[in-house]
Protein backbone atom coordinates (compact mmCIF):
# COMPACT_ATOMS: atom_id res chain seq x y z
CA MET A 1 24.38 3.21 -6.77
CA LYS A 2 22.09 4.03 -3.83
CA ALA A 3 18.40 4.54 -4.64
CA ARG A 4 17.22 8.15 -4.36
CA LEU A 5 14.60 7.46 -1.66
CA SER A 6 16.55 4.80 0.20
CA GLY A 7 15.85 5.19 3.93
CA VAL A 8 12.42 6.79 3.39
CA ARG A 9 9.38 4.94 4.76
CA VAL A 10 5.91 5.57 3.27
CA VAL A 11 2.66 4.27 4.77
CA GLU A 12 -0.10 3.86 2.20
CA ILE A 13 -3.60 3.99 3.67
CA GLY A 14 -6.21 3.95 0.93
CA SER A 15 -7.63 1.88 -1.89
CA LEU A 16 -7.93 4.23 -4.87
CA PRO A 17 -5.69 3.60 -7.89
CA ALA A 18 -4.14 7.10 -7.84
CA GLY A 19 -2.81 6.65 -4.31
CA ALA A 20 -1.60 3.14 -5.04
CA TYR A 21 0.22 4.37 -8.15
CA ALA A 22 1.84 7.27 -6.27
CA ALA A 23 3.04 4.86 -3.58
CA ARG A 24 4.34 2.54 -6.33
CA LEU A 25 6.47 5.41 -7.65
CA PHE A 26 7.95 5.90 -4.17
CA ALA A 27 8.79 2.17 -4.08
CA ASP A 28 10.33 2.35 -7.56
CA PHE A 29 12.69 5.06 -6.31
CA GLY A 30 13.79 2.99 -3.31
CA ALA A 31 11.43 3.97 -0.49
CA GLU A 32 10.08 1.31 1.84
CA VAL A 33 6.32 1.36 1.21
CA ILE A 34 3.96 -0.30 3.68
CA LYS A 35 0.41 -0.79 2.39
CA VAL A 36 -2.23 -0.98 5.13
CA GLU A 37 -5.24 -3.08 4.06
CA PRO A 38 -8.54 -3.82 5.79
CA SER A 39 -8.66 -7.14 7.66
CA ASP A 40 -10.59 -8.74 4.78
CA GLY A 41 -8.04 -7.52 2.19
CA ASP A 42 -8.05 -4.77 -0.41
CA SER A 43 -11.07 -5.01 -2.75
CA ASN A 44 -8.72 -4.37 -5.69
CA ARG A 45 -7.28 -7.88 -5.25
CA CYS A 46 -10.29 -9.12 -7.28
CA PHE A 47 -10.13 -6.45 -10.02
CA PRO A 48 -9.74 -7.86 -13.55
CA PRO A 49 -7.74 -8.97 -15.39
CA LEU A 50 -7.30 -12.02 -13.19
CA ILE A 51 -4.08 -13.92 -13.81
CA GLU A 52 -3.63 -17.27 -12.08
CA GLY A 53 -6.30 -16.35 -9.51
CA GLY A 54 -4.93 -12.89 -8.71
CA SER A 55 -5.47 -9.43 -10.11
CA GLY A 56 -2.87 -8.27 -12.60
CA TRP A 57 -3.85 -4.67 -11.87
CA PHE A 58 -3.35 -5.16 -8.12
CA ALA A 59 0.02 -6.85 -8.71
CA TYR A 60 1.19 -3.98 -10.92
CA LEU A 61 0.14 -1.22 -8.50
CA ASN A 62 1.57 -2.95 -5.43
CA TYR A 63 4.87 -4.30 -6.75
CA GLY A 64 7.70 -3.68 -4.29
CA LYS A 65 5.47 -2.89 -1.32
CA LYS A 66 5.05 -4.59 2.03
CA SER A 67 1.48 -5.29 3.09
CA VAL A 68 -0.12 -5.40 6.53
CA THR A 69 -3.74 -5.71 7.59
CA ALA A 70 -5.54 -3.69 10.23
CA ASP A 71 -9.14 -3.32 11.28
CA LYS A 72 -11.00 0.01 11.29
CA VAL A 73 -10.41 0.65 14.97
CA GLU A 74 -6.64 0.37 14.57
CA LEU A 75 -6.65 2.68 11.55
CA GLU A 76 -8.55 5.34 13.46
CA GLY A 77 -6.03 5.03 16.26
CA LEU A 78 -3.16 5.52 13.82
CA LEU A 79 -4.71 8.68 12.43
CA ARG A 80 -5.65 10.23 15.76
CA ALA A 81 -3.31 12.94 17.04
CA PRO A 82 -1.80 12.23 20.46
CA THR A 83 -3.34 14.11 23.37
CA CYS A 84 -0.97 15.93 25.72
């Protein structure tokens, strides 16, 4: 059976748990979710409980997502509307 959101791509830009959880739900229903993190990584990677050196909370919220890093300048460029 094909996943409901198969073929949908979601870009997650943020670090709050509510947004991460919403994006997780999209991934659970078959969407391709791409998480954009700052160049030094998401601060939630160090949030307890730590399991084998990584955050269990971070692993739960980001299961099934792809992750890329970008610096602030690139993020602002992504959000800027094109000028015509």
